[in-house]
Amino acid sequence: MNPIVALIIANIIWGAACPIFKFALVNIPPFTIAFIRFFFAGIIFLPLVLFQNYSITKKQLFEICLGAFFSITINISFFFLALPKTDSINAPIIASSQPIFLFILAVLFLKERPHRRVFLGILISFIGVLVIIISPLFLNHNTTILQKETALIGNIFLVIATLGSVLQAIINKKVLREVNHFVVTCIAFFFGALTFIPFMIPELQTWSFSQLDIHGWTGIIFGVVFSSALAYGLFMYGMSKIEAQEVGVFTYIDPVIAVLIAMPLLGEYPTPTFFIGSLFVFLGIIIAERRLHWHPFHKIRHVTRNM
């Protein structure tokens, strides 16, 4: 499959994941569905790994597990904990702030010199993310202080989840050049699933699988088959074929899909602060990267020729 098409499909699925998982968490605890999602997705990937000839060094295995810790354990934990607290449509907008974290990490740890244009764009995007994060404070008067605080905490959790995703992209970029992407994904899934067990056990003391309804089953099926096995497989494949800086472009798909599904499924509608924050986020990206207008479809033929 063409890597551009793979990344587009993966991000459509992940855009839909925000409202669908919020729909599911009404019925099933967060760490229980997280364990089920990645453990059974790992089983789906297992046959693809067992029949391949490959070798992994201890250093590569450590990098894969470290990347999984950030992209699955940290990212998914805070993502699932955030969804019941805040609007699901906030998740992909806050996730679009990944370039902000990449910029900060590059300046702090790689000692890169910040360009004035990039700094201005990142600053504008940061203002947009900040507007989304503190948007609960502008809720109507019928909303209690506790509800506002809960939504604010949920948005902060989404920021932490995004940071986990950024760290994974940095850690795993090199190992994906060296190890088959199916192998990396399978190991990451099983490692991530194991990290959820200590948090899942207390949940199972107050919740049982006999309580599953359409909400929970929707989350399990979507999580295992689509959001984990299919989307992660496509994403890892795409990321192994194109430059890392181009991968982030596809996340612009997520907010559109999330809003289109959240409106009928959850009754969540964009607010004025949502639009204002989103505008600042994408305006900042345009200024910083000068390529939000860049459309991935025009590279399909070029990428295919060089594969």
C-alpha atoms as a PDB file:
ATOM      1  CA  MET A   1       0.000   0.000   0.000  1.00  0.00           C
ATOM      2  CA  ASN A   2       1.091   3.555  -0.664  1.00  0.00           C
ATOM      3  CA  PRO A   3       2.363   5.156   2.602  1.00  0.00           C
ATOM      4  CA  ILE A   4       0.439   8.388   2.001  1.00  0.00           C
ATOM      5  CA  VAL A   5      -2.856   6.504   1.688  1.00  0.00           C
ATOM      6  CA  ALA A   6      -1.946   4.441   4.774  1.00  0.00           C
ATOM      7  CA  LEU A   7      -1.419   7.580   6.894  1.00  0.00           C
ATOM      8  CA  ILE A   8      -4.638   9.175   5.661  1.00  0.00           C
ATOM      9  CA  ILE A   9      -6.701   6.096   6.610  1.00  0.00           C
ATOM     10  CA  ALA A  10      -4.951   5.831   9.990  1.00  0.00           C
ATOM     11  CA  ASN A  11      -5.767   9.436  10.869  1.00  0.00           C
ATOM     12  CA  ILE A  12      -9.385   9.125   9.752  1.00  0.00           C
ATOM     13  CA  ILE A  13      -9.721   6.196  12.174  1.00  0.00           C
ATOM     14  CA  TRP A  14      -7.984   8.090  14.978  1.00  0.00           C
ATOM     15  CA  GLY A  15     -10.151  11.134  14.381  1.00  0.00           C
ATOM     16  CA  ALA A  16     -13.204   8.930  14.860  1.00  0.00           C
ATOM     17  CA  ALA A  17     -11.625   7.331  17.943  1.00  0.00           C
ATOM     18  CA  CYS A  18     -12.109  10.362  20.194  1.00  0.00           C
ATOM     19  CA  PRO A  19     -15.952  10.376  20.219  1.00  0.00           C
ATOM     20  CA  ILE A  20     -16.255   6.595  19.858  1.00  0.00           C
ATOM     21  CA  PHE A  21     -14.089   5.868  22.897  1.00  0.00           C
ATOM     22  CA  LYS A  22     -15.918   8.498  24.938  1.00  0.00           C
ATOM     23  CA  PHE A  23     -19.128   6.686  23.927  1.00  0.00           C
ATOM     24  CA  ALA A  24     -17.586   3.385  25.110  1.00  0.00           C
ATOM     25  CA  LEU A  25     -16.251   4.668  28.444  1.00  0.00           C
ATOM     26  CA  VAL A  26     -19.806   5.186  29.631  1.00  0.00           C
ATOM     27  CA  ASN A  27     -19.916   1.408  30.096  1.00  0.00           C
ATOM     28  CA  ILE A  28     -16.361   0.050  30.467  1.00  0.00           C
ATOM     29  CA  PRO A  29     -13.473   1.244  32.711  1.00  0.00           C
ATOM     30  CA  PRO A  30     -10.528   2.966  30.979  1.00  0.00           C
ATOM     31  CA  PHE A  31      -7.670   0.617  31.839  1.00  0.00           C
ATOM     32  CA  THR A  32      -9.755  -2.480  31.159  1.00  0.00           C
ATOM     33  CA  ILE A  33     -10.594  -1.383  27.629  1.00  0.00           C
ATOM     34  CA  ALA A  34      -6.995  -0.217  27.153  1.00  0.00           C
ATOM     35  CA  PHE A  35      -5.666  -3.685  28.072  1.00  0.00           C
ATOM     36  CA  ILE A  36      -8.207  -5.470  25.845  1.00  0.00           C
ATOM     37  CA  ARG A  37      -7.529  -3.101  22.974  1.00  0.00           C
ATOM     38  CA  PHE A  38      -3.775  -3.609  22.812  1.00  0.00           C
ATOM     39  CA  PHE A  39      -3.511  -7.225  23.989  1.00  0.00           C
ATOM     40  CA  PHE A  40      -5.880  -8.566  21.342  1.00  0.00           C
ATOM     41  CA  ALA A  41      -4.495  -6.218  18.690  1.00  0.00           C
ATOM     42  CA  GLY A  42      -1.087  -7.709  19.506  1.00  0.00           C
ATOM     43  CA  ILE A  43      -2.520 -11.190  18.935  1.00  0.00           C
ATOM     44  CA  ILE A  44      -3.766 -10.039  15.518  1.00  0.00           C
ATOM     45  CA  PHE A  45      -0.231  -8.903  14.639  1.00  0.00           C
ATOM     46  CA  LEU A  46       1.459 -12.012  16.068  1.00  0.00           C
ATOM     47  CA  PRO A  47       1.136 -14.227  12.936  1.00  0.00           C
ATOM     48  CA  LEU A  48       2.738 -11.461  10.861  1.00  0.00           C
ATOM     49  CA  VAL A  49       5.719 -11.509  13.206  1.00  0.00           C
ATOM     50  CA  LEU A  50       6.179 -15.243  13.804  1.00  0.00           C
ATOM     51  CA  PHE A  51       6.734 -16.053  10.138  1.00  0.00           C
ATOM     52  CA  GLN A  52       9.387 -13.393   9.541  1.00  0.00           C
ATOM     53  CA  ASN A  53      13.128 -13.692   9.814  1.00  0.00           C
ATOM     54  CA  TYR A  54      14.398 -10.885  11.987  1.00  0.00           C
ATOM     55  CA  SER A  55      16.800 -10.153  14.792  1.00  0.00           C
ATOM     56  CA  ILE A  56      16.533  -7.467  17.461  1.00  0.00           C
ATOM     57  CA  THR A  57      19.327  -6.181  19.614  1.00  0.00           C
ATOM     58  CA  LYS A  58      18.797  -5.392  23.285  1.00  0.00           C
ATOM     59  CA  LYS A  59      19.182  -1.708  22.488  1.00  0.00           C
ATOM     60  CA  GLN A  60      16.469  -1.880  19.812  1.00  0.00           C
ATOM     61  CA  LEU A  61      14.150  -3.810  22.131  1.00  0.00           C
ATOM     62  CA  PHE A  62      14.668  -1.190  24.829  1.00  0.00           C
ATOM     63  CA  GLU A  63      13.896   1.614  22.355  1.00  0.00           C
ATOM     64  CA  ILE A  64      10.718  -0.134  21.186  1.00  0.00           C
ATOM     65  CA  CYS A  65       9.496  -0.645  24.755  1.00  0.00           C
ATOM     66  CA  LEU A  66      10.431   2.904  25.741  1.00  0.00           C
ATOM     67  CA  GLY A  67       8.520   4.250  22.747  1.00  0.00           C
ATOM     68  CA  ALA A  68       5.559   2.037  23.684  1.00  0.00           C
ATOM     69  CA  PHE A  69       5.644   3.366  27.235  1.00  0.00           C
ATOM     70  CA  PHE A  70       5.119   6.903  25.955  1.00  0.00           C
ATOM     71  CA  SER A  71       2.827   6.191  22.986  1.00  0.00           C
ATOM     72  CA  ILE A  72       0.628   3.582  24.690  1.00  0.00           C
ATOM     73  CA  THR A  73       1.016   3.657  28.469  1.00  0.00           C
ATOM     74  CA  ILE A  74       1.230   7.449  28.863  1.00  0.00           C
ATOM     75  CA  ASN A  75      -0.686   8.556  25.785  1.00  0.00           C
ATOM     76  CA  ILE A  76      -3.615   6.146  26.060  1.00  0.00           C
ATOM     77  CA  SER A  77      -3.895   6.324  29.861  1.00  0.00           C
ATOM     78  CA  PHE A  78      -4.267  10.093  29.933  1.00  0.00           C
ATOM     79  CA  PHE A  79      -6.370  10.068  26.756  1.00  0.00           C
ATOM     80  CA  PHE A  80      -8.907   7.656  28.280  1.00  0.00           C
ATOM     81  CA  LEU A  81      -8.863   9.445  31.633  1.00  0.00           C
ATOM     82  CA  ALA A  82      -9.508  12.756  29.868  1.00  0.00           C
ATOM     83  CA  LEU A  83     -12.449  11.748  27.668  1.00  0.00           C
ATOM     84  CA  PRO A  84     -15.091  11.404  30.428  1.00  0.00           C
ATOM     85  CA  LYS A  85     -14.049  14.808  31.794  1.00  0.00           C
ATOM     86  CA  THR A  86     -14.026  16.999  28.672  1.00  0.00           C
ATOM     87  CA  ASP A  87     -15.385  17.256  25.118  1.00  0.00           C
ATOM     88  CA  SER A  88     -13.924  14.616  22.812  1.00  0.00           C
ATOM     89  CA  ILE A  89     -13.553  17.167  19.986  1.00  0.00           C
ATOM     90  CA  ASN A  90     -10.868  18.959  22.042  1.00  0.00           C
ATOM     91  CA  ALA A  91      -8.567  15.927  21.805  1.00  0.00           C
ATOM     92  CA  PRO A  92      -7.495  16.176  18.138  1.00  0.00           C
ATOM     93  CA  ILE A  93      -7.048  19.965  18.330  1.00  0.00           C
ATOM     94  CA  ILE A  94      -4.774  19.658  21.351  1.00  0.00           C
ATOM     95  CA  ALA A  95      -2.976  16.776  19.627  1.00  0.00           C
ATOM     96  CA  SER A  96      -2.328  19.124  16.696  1.00  0.00           C
ATOM     97  CA  SER A  97      -0.025  21.026  19.034  1.00  0.00           C
ATOM     98  CA  GLN A  98       2.674  18.372  18.613  1.00  0.00           C
ATOM     99  CA  PRO A  99       4.923  20.811  16.690  1.00  0.00           C
ATOM    100  CA  ILE A 100       4.996  22.992  19.814  1.00  0.00           C
ATOM    101  CA  PHE A 101       6.479  20.168  21.869  1.00  0.00           C
ATOM    102  CA  LEU A 102       8.869  19.193  19.071  1.00  0.00           C
ATOM    103  CA  PHE A 103      10.076  22.807  18.877  1.00  0.00           C
ATOM    104  CA  ILE A 104      10.625  23.034  22.641  1.00  0.00           C
ATOM    105  CA  LEU A 105      12.446  19.678  22.785  1.00  0.00           C
ATOM    106  CA  ALA A 106      14.661  20.622  19.830  1.00  0.00           C
ATOM    107  CA  VAL A 107      15.668  23.900  21.479  1.00  0.00           C
ATOM    108  CA  LEU A 108      16.196  22.454  24.965  1.00  0.00           C
ATOM    109  CA  PHE A 109      17.839  19.117  24.209  1.00  0.00           C
ATOM    110  CA  LEU A 110      19.163  19.334  20.641  1.00  0.00           C
ATOM    111  CA  LYS A 111      20.382  22.910  21.171  1.00  0.00           C
ATOM    112  CA  GLU A 112      18.821  23.995  17.887  1.00  0.00           C
ATOM    113  CA  ARG A 113      18.719  27.735  17.344  1.00  0.00           C
ATOM    114  CA  PRO A 114      15.093  28.907  17.113  1.00  0.00           C
ATOM    115  CA  HIS A 115      14.210  30.863  13.973  1.00  0.00           C
ATOM    116  CA  ARG A 116      12.139  34.001  14.512  1.00  0.00           C
ATOM    117  CA  ARG A 117       9.382  32.872  12.103  1.00  0.00           C
ATOM    118  CA  VAL A 118       9.119  29.428  13.675  1.00  0.00           C
ATOM    119  CA  PHE A 119       9.085  30.904  17.175  1.00  0.00           C
ATOM    120  CA  LEU A 120       6.273  33.306  16.214  1.00  0.00           C
ATOM    121  CA  GLY A 121       4.219  30.493  14.685  1.00  0.00           C
ATOM    122  CA  ILE A 122       4.721  28.237  17.680  1.00  0.00           C
ATOM    123  CA  LEU A 123       3.752  31.092  20.027  1.00  0.00           C
ATOM    124  CA  ILE A 124       0.504  31.687  18.111  1.00  0.00           C
ATOM    125  CA  SER A 125      -0.289  27.953  18.108  1.00  0.00           C
ATOM    126  CA  PHE A 126       0.403  27.835  21.834  1.00  0.00           C
ATOM    127  CA  ILE A 127      -2.120  30.622  22.399  1.00  0.00           C
ATOM    128  CA  GLY A 128      -4.686  28.555  20.485  1.00  0.00           C
ATOM    129  CA  VAL A 129      -3.998  25.441  22.555  1.00  0.00           C
ATOM    130  CA  LEU A 130      -4.190  27.531  25.733  1.00  0.00           C
ATOM    131  CA  VAL A 131      -7.609  28.849  24.644  1.00  0.00           C
ATOM    132  CA  ILE A 132      -8.849  25.256  24.174  1.00  0.00           C
ATOM    133  CA  ILE A 133      -7.391  24.144  27.511  1.00  0.00           C
ATOM    134  CA  ILE A 134      -8.966  26.934  29.565  1.00  0.00           C
ATOM    135  CA  SER A 135     -12.206  26.981  27.538  1.00  0.00           C
ATOM    136  CA  PRO A 136     -14.137  25.317  30.424  1.00  0.00           C
ATOM    137  CA  LEU A 137     -13.705  28.562  32.358  1.00  0.00           C
ATOM    138  CA  PHE A 138     -15.883  30.271  29.746  1.00  0.00           C
ATOM    139  CA  LEU A 139     -18.749  27.788  29.982  1.00  0.00           C
ATOM    140  CA  ASN A 140     -22.263  29.134  30.593  1.00  0.00           C
ATOM    141  CA  HIS A 141     -23.567  30.072  34.030  1.00  0.00           C
ATOM    142  CA  ASN A 142     -25.507  26.821  34.327  1.00  0.00           C
ATOM    143  CA  THR A 143     -22.215  24.928  34.614  1.00  0.00           C
ATOM    144  CA  THR A 144     -20.971  24.382  38.161  1.00  0.00           C
ATOM    145  CA  ILE A 145     -17.462  25.189  39.337  1.00  0.00           C
ATOM    146  CA  LEU A 146     -16.801  21.461  39.814  1.00  0.00           C
ATOM    147  CA  GLN A 147     -17.807  20.742  36.195  1.00  0.00           C
ATOM    148  CA  LYS A 148     -15.515  23.503  34.950  1.00  0.00           C
ATOM    149  CA  GLU A 149     -12.606  22.188  37.023  1.00  0.00           C
ATOM    150  CA  THR A 150     -13.231  18.648  35.791  1.00  0.00           C
ATOM    151  CA  ALA A 151     -13.221  19.763  32.142  1.00  0.00           C
ATOM    152  CA  LEU A 152     -10.053  21.793  32.728  1.00  0.00           C
ATOM    153  CA  ILE A 153      -8.297  18.742  34.214  1.00  0.00           C
ATOM    154  CA  GLY A 154      -9.470  16.685  31.237  1.00  0.00           C
ATOM    155  CA  ASN A 155      -7.880  19.143  28.811  1.00  0.00           C
ATOM    156  CA  ILE A 156      -4.625  19.098  30.776  1.00  0.00           C
ATOM    157  CA  PHE A 157      -4.649  15.291  30.571  1.00  0.00           C
ATOM    158  CA  LEU A 158      -4.966  15.605  26.783  1.00  0.00           C
ATOM    159  CA  VAL A 159      -1.833  17.767  26.746  1.00  0.00           C
ATOM    160  CA  ILE A 160       0.077  15.085  28.675  1.00  0.00           C
ATOM    161  CA  ALA A 161      -1.209  12.444  26.248  1.00  0.00           C
ATOM    162  CA  THR A 162       0.032  14.522  23.322  1.00  0.00           C
ATOM    163  CA  LEU A 163       3.474  14.878  24.891  1.00  0.00           C
ATOM    164  CA  GLY A 164       3.666  11.079  25.162  1.00  0.00           C
ATOM    165  CA  SER A 165       2.934  10.736  21.464  1.00  0.00           C
ATOM    166  CA  VAL A 166       5.639  13.260  20.566  1.00  0.00           C
ATOM    167  CA  LEU A 167       8.288  11.448  22.605  1.00  0.00           C
ATOM    168  CA  GLN A 168       7.381   8.149  20.927  1.00  0.00           C
ATOM    169  CA  ALA A 169       7.847   9.631  17.464  1.00  0.00           C
ATOM    170  CA  ILE A 170      11.326  10.832  18.425  1.00  0.00           C
ATOM    171  CA  ILE A 171      12.375   7.600  20.132  1.00  0.00           C
ATOM    172  CA  ASN A 172      11.070   5.136  17.532  1.00  0.00           C
ATOM    173  CA  LYS A 173      11.970   6.922  14.289  1.00  0.00           C
ATOM    174  CA  LYS A 174      15.420   5.326  14.093  1.00  0.00           C
ATOM    175  CA  VAL A 175      14.369   1.827  15.131  1.00  0.00           C
ATOM    176  CA  LEU A 176      11.623   1.817  12.485  1.00  0.00           C
ATOM    177  CA  ARG A 177      14.365   2.167   9.876  1.00  0.00           C
ATOM    178  CA  GLU A 178      16.106  -0.888  11.276  1.00  0.00           C
ATOM    179  CA  VAL A 179      13.316  -3.256  12.385  1.00  0.00           C
ATOM    180  CA  ASN A 180      10.204  -4.365  10.491  1.00  0.00           C
ATOM    181  CA  HIS A 181       7.256  -2.136  11.413  1.00  0.00           C
ATOM    182  CA  PHE A 182       5.013  -5.155  12.130  1.00  0.00           C
ATOM    183  CA  VAL A 183       7.552  -6.430  14.671  1.00  0.00           C
ATOM    184  CA  VAL A 184       7.833  -3.004  16.324  1.00  0.00           C
ATOM    185  CA  THR A 185       4.039  -2.647  16.517  1.00  0.00           C
ATOM    186  CA  CYS A 186       3.476  -6.155  17.920  1.00  0.00           C
ATOM    187  CA  ILE A 187       6.100  -5.751  20.653  1.00  0.00           C
ATOM    188  CA  ALA A 188       4.749  -2.300  21.518  1.00  0.00           C
ATOM    189  CA  PHE A 189       1.182  -3.619  21.801  1.00  0.00           C
ATOM    190  CA  PHE A 190       2.056  -6.455  24.182  1.00  0.00           C
ATOM    191  CA  PHE A 191       4.354  -4.264  26.271  1.00  0.00           C
ATOM    192  CA  GLY A 192       1.689  -1.555  26.467  1.00  0.00           C
ATOM    193  CA  ALA A 193      -1.003  -4.067  27.396  1.00  0.00           C
ATOM    194  CA  LEU A 194       1.133  -5.436  30.250  1.00  0.00           C
ATOM    195  CA  THR A 195       1.579  -1.960  31.728  1.00  0.00           C
ATOM    196  CA  PHE A 196      -2.210  -1.596  32.057  1.00  0.00           C
ATOM    197  CA  ILE A 197      -2.668  -4.770  34.157  1.00  0.00           C
ATOM    198  CA  PRO A 198      -1.827  -3.204  37.568  1.00  0.00           C
ATOM    199  CA  PHE A 199      -4.472  -0.515  36.935  1.00  0.00           C
ATOM    200  CA  MET A 200      -7.020  -2.908  35.436  1.00  0.00           C
ATOM    201  CA  ILE A 201      -7.111  -5.275  38.428  1.00  0.00           C
ATOM    202  CA  PRO A 202      -8.722  -2.727  40.828  1.00  0.00           C
ATOM    203  CA  GLU A 203     -11.298  -1.887  38.140  1.00  0.00           C
ATOM    204  CA  LEU A 204     -12.342  -5.529  37.848  1.00  0.00           C
ATOM    205  CA  GLN A 205     -13.127  -5.606  41.563  1.00  0.00           C
ATOM    206  CA  THR A 206     -16.043  -3.225  41.018  1.00  0.00           C
ATOM    207  CA  TRP A 207     -16.912  -3.984  37.371  1.00  0.00           C
ATOM    208  CA  SER A 208     -17.517  -7.239  35.451  1.00  0.00           C
ATOM    209  CA  PHE A 209     -17.798  -8.187  31.778  1.00  0.00           C
ATOM    210  CA  SER A 210     -21.434  -9.176  32.362  1.00  0.00           C
ATOM    211  CA  GLN A 211     -22.153  -5.433  32.442  1.00  0.00           C
ATOM    212  CA  LEU A 212     -21.036  -4.886  28.850  1.00  0.00           C
ATOM    213  CA  ASP A 213     -23.595  -3.234  26.569  1.00  0.00           C
ATOM    214  CA  ILE A 214     -23.548  -1.644  23.109  1.00  0.00           C
ATOM    215  CA  HIS A 215     -21.297   1.166  24.387  1.00  0.00           C
ATOM    216  CA  GLY A 216     -18.589  -1.155  25.683  1.00  0.00           C
ATOM    217  CA  TRP A 217     -18.726  -3.584  22.759  1.00  0.00           C
ATOM    218  CA  THR A 218     -18.452  -0.726  20.283  1.00  0.00           C
ATOM    219  CA  GLY A 219     -15.316   0.499  22.032  1.00  0.00           C
ATOM    220  CA  ILE A 220     -13.769  -2.981  22.201  1.00  0.00           C
ATOM    221  CA  ILE A 221     -14.401  -3.865  18.546  1.00  0.00           C
ATOM    222  CA  PHE A 222     -13.370  -0.447  17.272  1.00  0.00           C
ATOM    223  CA  GLY A 223     -10.349  -0.351  19.590  1.00  0.00           C
ATOM    224  CA  VAL A 224      -8.976  -3.809  18.792  1.00  0.00           C
ATOM    225  CA  VAL A 225      -9.686  -4.057  15.067  1.00  0.00           C
ATOM    226  CA  PHE A 226      -9.642  -0.491  13.786  1.00  0.00           C
ATOM    227  CA  SER A 227      -7.959   1.971  16.163  1.00  0.00           C
ATOM    228  CA  SER A 228      -5.178  -0.417  17.209  1.00  0.00           C
ATOM    229  CA  ALA A 229      -4.500  -3.224  14.737  1.00  0.00           C
ATOM    230  CA  LEU A 230      -5.428  -1.437  11.500  1.00  0.00           C
ATOM    231  CA  ALA A 231      -4.565   2.195  12.295  1.00  0.00           C
ATOM    232  CA  TYR A 232      -1.306   1.504  14.164  1.00  0.00           C
ATOM    233  CA  GLY A 233      -0.190  -0.920  11.465  1.00  0.00           C
ATOM    234  CA  LEU A 234      -0.887   1.627   8.726  1.00  0.00           C
ATOM    235  CA  PHE A 235       0.739   4.424  10.731  1.00  0.00           C
ATOM    236  CA  MET A 236       3.909   2.450  11.489  1.00  0.00           C
ATOM    237  CA  TYR A 237       4.144   1.425   7.838  1.00  0.00           C
ATOM    238  CA  GLY A 238       3.667   4.993   6.631  1.00  0.00           C
ATOM    239  CA  MET A 239       6.111   6.441   9.159  1.00  0.00           C
ATOM    240  CA  SER A 240       8.764   3.929   8.071  1.00  0.00           C
ATOM    241  CA  LYS A 241       8.490   5.095   4.441  1.00  0.00           C
ATOM    242  CA  ILE A 242       8.361   8.903   4.580  1.00  0.00           C
ATOM    243  CA  GLU A 243      10.143  11.662   6.473  1.00  0.00           C
ATOM    244  CA  ALA A 244       9.137  12.214  10.119  1.00  0.00           C
ATOM    245  CA  GLN A 245       8.356  15.897   9.537  1.00  0.00           C
ATOM    246  CA  GLU A 246       5.751  14.924   6.919  1.00  0.00           C
ATOM    247  CA  VAL A 247       3.898  12.526   9.241  1.00  0.00           C
ATOM    248  CA  GLY A 248       2.485  15.349  11.355  1.00  0.00           C
ATOM    249  CA  VAL A 249       0.670  16.868   8.367  1.00  0.00           C
ATOM    250  CA  PHE A 250      -1.886  14.062   8.406  1.00  0.00           C
ATOM    251  CA  THR A 251      -3.071  14.898  11.935  1.00  0.00           C
ATOM    252  CA  TYR A 252      -4.998  17.828  10.411  1.00  0.00           C
ATOM    253  CA  ILE A 253      -7.566  15.240   9.307  1.00  0.00           C
ATOM    254  CA  ASP A 254      -8.409  14.210  12.880  1.00  0.00           C
ATOM    255  CA  PRO A 255     -10.335  17.289  14.131  1.00  0.00           C
ATOM    256  CA  VAL A 256     -12.678  17.279  11.127  1.00  0.00           C
ATOM    257  CA  ILE A 257     -13.569  13.606  11.557  1.00  0.00           C
ATOM    258  CA  ALA A 258     -13.947  13.987  15.325  1.00  0.00           C
ATOM    259  CA  VAL A 259     -16.441  16.856  15.011  1.00  0.00           C
ATOM    260  CA  LEU A 260     -18.468  15.086  12.292  1.00  0.00           C
ATOM    261  CA  ILE A 261     -18.900  12.000  14.504  1.00  0.00           C
ATOM    262  CA  ALA A 262     -19.176  13.706  17.910  1.00  0.00           C
ATOM    263  CA  MET A 263     -22.132  15.852  16.873  1.00  0.00           C
ATOM    264  CA  PRO A 264     -24.595  13.010  16.162  1.00  0.00           C
ATOM    265  CA  LEU A 265     -23.065  10.444  18.556  1.00  0.00           C
ATOM    266  CA  LEU A 266     -22.459  12.553  21.679  1.00  0.00           C
ATOM    267  CA  GLY A 267     -24.285  15.795  20.996  1.00  0.00           C
ATOM    268  CA  GLU A 268     -21.012  17.723  21.212  1.00  0.00           C
ATOM    269  CA  TYR A 269     -20.915  20.867  19.105  1.00  0.00           C
ATOM    270  CA  PRO A 270     -18.020  23.266  18.537  1.00  0.00           C
ATOM    271  CA  THR A 271     -18.171  26.370  20.724  1.00  0.00           C
ATOM    272  CA  PRO A 272     -16.865  29.864  19.861  1.00  0.00           C
ATOM    273  CA  THR A 273     -13.761  29.228  21.989  1.00  0.00           C
ATOM    274  CA  PHE A 274     -13.204  25.960  20.108  1.00  0.00           C
ATOM    275  CA  PHE A 275     -13.204  27.789  16.777  1.00  0.00           C
ATOM    276  CA  ILE A 276     -10.982  30.595  18.113  1.00  0.00           C
ATOM    277  CA  GLY A 277      -8.464  28.140  19.584  1.00  0.00           C
ATOM    278  CA  SER A 278      -8.446  26.025  16.419  1.00  0.00           C
ATOM    279  CA  LEU A 279      -7.876  29.112  14.283  1.00  0.00           C
ATOM    280  CA  PHE A 280      -4.854  30.139  16.338  1.00  0.00           C
ATOM    281  CA  VAL A 281      -3.423  26.591  16.304  1.00  0.00           C
ATOM    282  CA  PHE A 282      -3.547  26.232  12.530  1.00  0.00           C
ATOM    283  CA  LEU A 283      -2.537  29.856  11.868  1.00  0.00           C
ATOM    284  CA  GLY A 284       0.546  29.287  13.982  1.00  0.00           C
ATOM    285  CA  ILE A 285       1.383  26.102  12.070  1.00  0.00           C
ATOM    286  CA  ILE A 286       1.032  27.946   8.753  1.00  0.00           C
ATOM    287  CA  ILE A 287       3.455  30.653   9.932  1.00  0.00           C
ATOM    288  CA  ALA A 288       5.922  28.185  11.472  1.00  0.00           C
ATOM    289  CA  GLU A 289       5.986  25.517   8.792  1.00  0.00           C
ATOM    290  CA  ARG A 290       4.654  27.377   5.742  1.00  0.00           C
ATOM    291  CA  ARG A 291       3.015  24.191   4.591  1.00  0.00           C
ATOM    292  CA  LEU A 292      -0.442  23.691   6.038  1.00  0.00           C
ATOM    293  CA  HIS A 293      -1.605  24.298   2.468  1.00  0.00           C
ATOM    294  CA  TRP A 294       0.565  21.353   1.373  1.00  0.00           C
ATOM    295  CA  HIS A 295      -1.768  18.533   0.384  1.00  0.00           C
ATOM    296  CA  PRO A 296      -0.452  14.979   0.823  1.00  0.00           C
ATOM    297  CA  PHE A 297      -2.225  13.613  -2.254  1.00  0.00           C
ATOM    298  CA  HIS A 298       0.196  15.315  -4.638  1.00  0.00           C
ATOM    299  CA  LYS A 299       3.043  13.106  -3.338  1.00  0.00           C
ATOM    300  CA  ILE A 300       1.346   9.755  -3.982  1.00  0.00           C
ATOM    301  CA  ARG A 301       2.851   9.224  -7.426  1.00  0.00           C
ATOM    302  CA  HIS A 302       6.281  10.431  -6.354  1.00  0.00           C
ATOM    303  CA  VAL A 303       6.420   8.142  -3.316  1.00  0.00           C
ATOM    304  CA  THR A 304       5.179   5.136  -5.280  1.00  0.00           C
ATOM    305  CA  ARG A 305       7.899   5.572  -7.903  1.00  0.00           C
ATOM    306  CA  ASN A 306      10.648   5.498  -5.307  1.00  0.00           C
ATOM    307  CA  MET A 307       9.470   2.526  -3.288  1.00  0.00           C
END
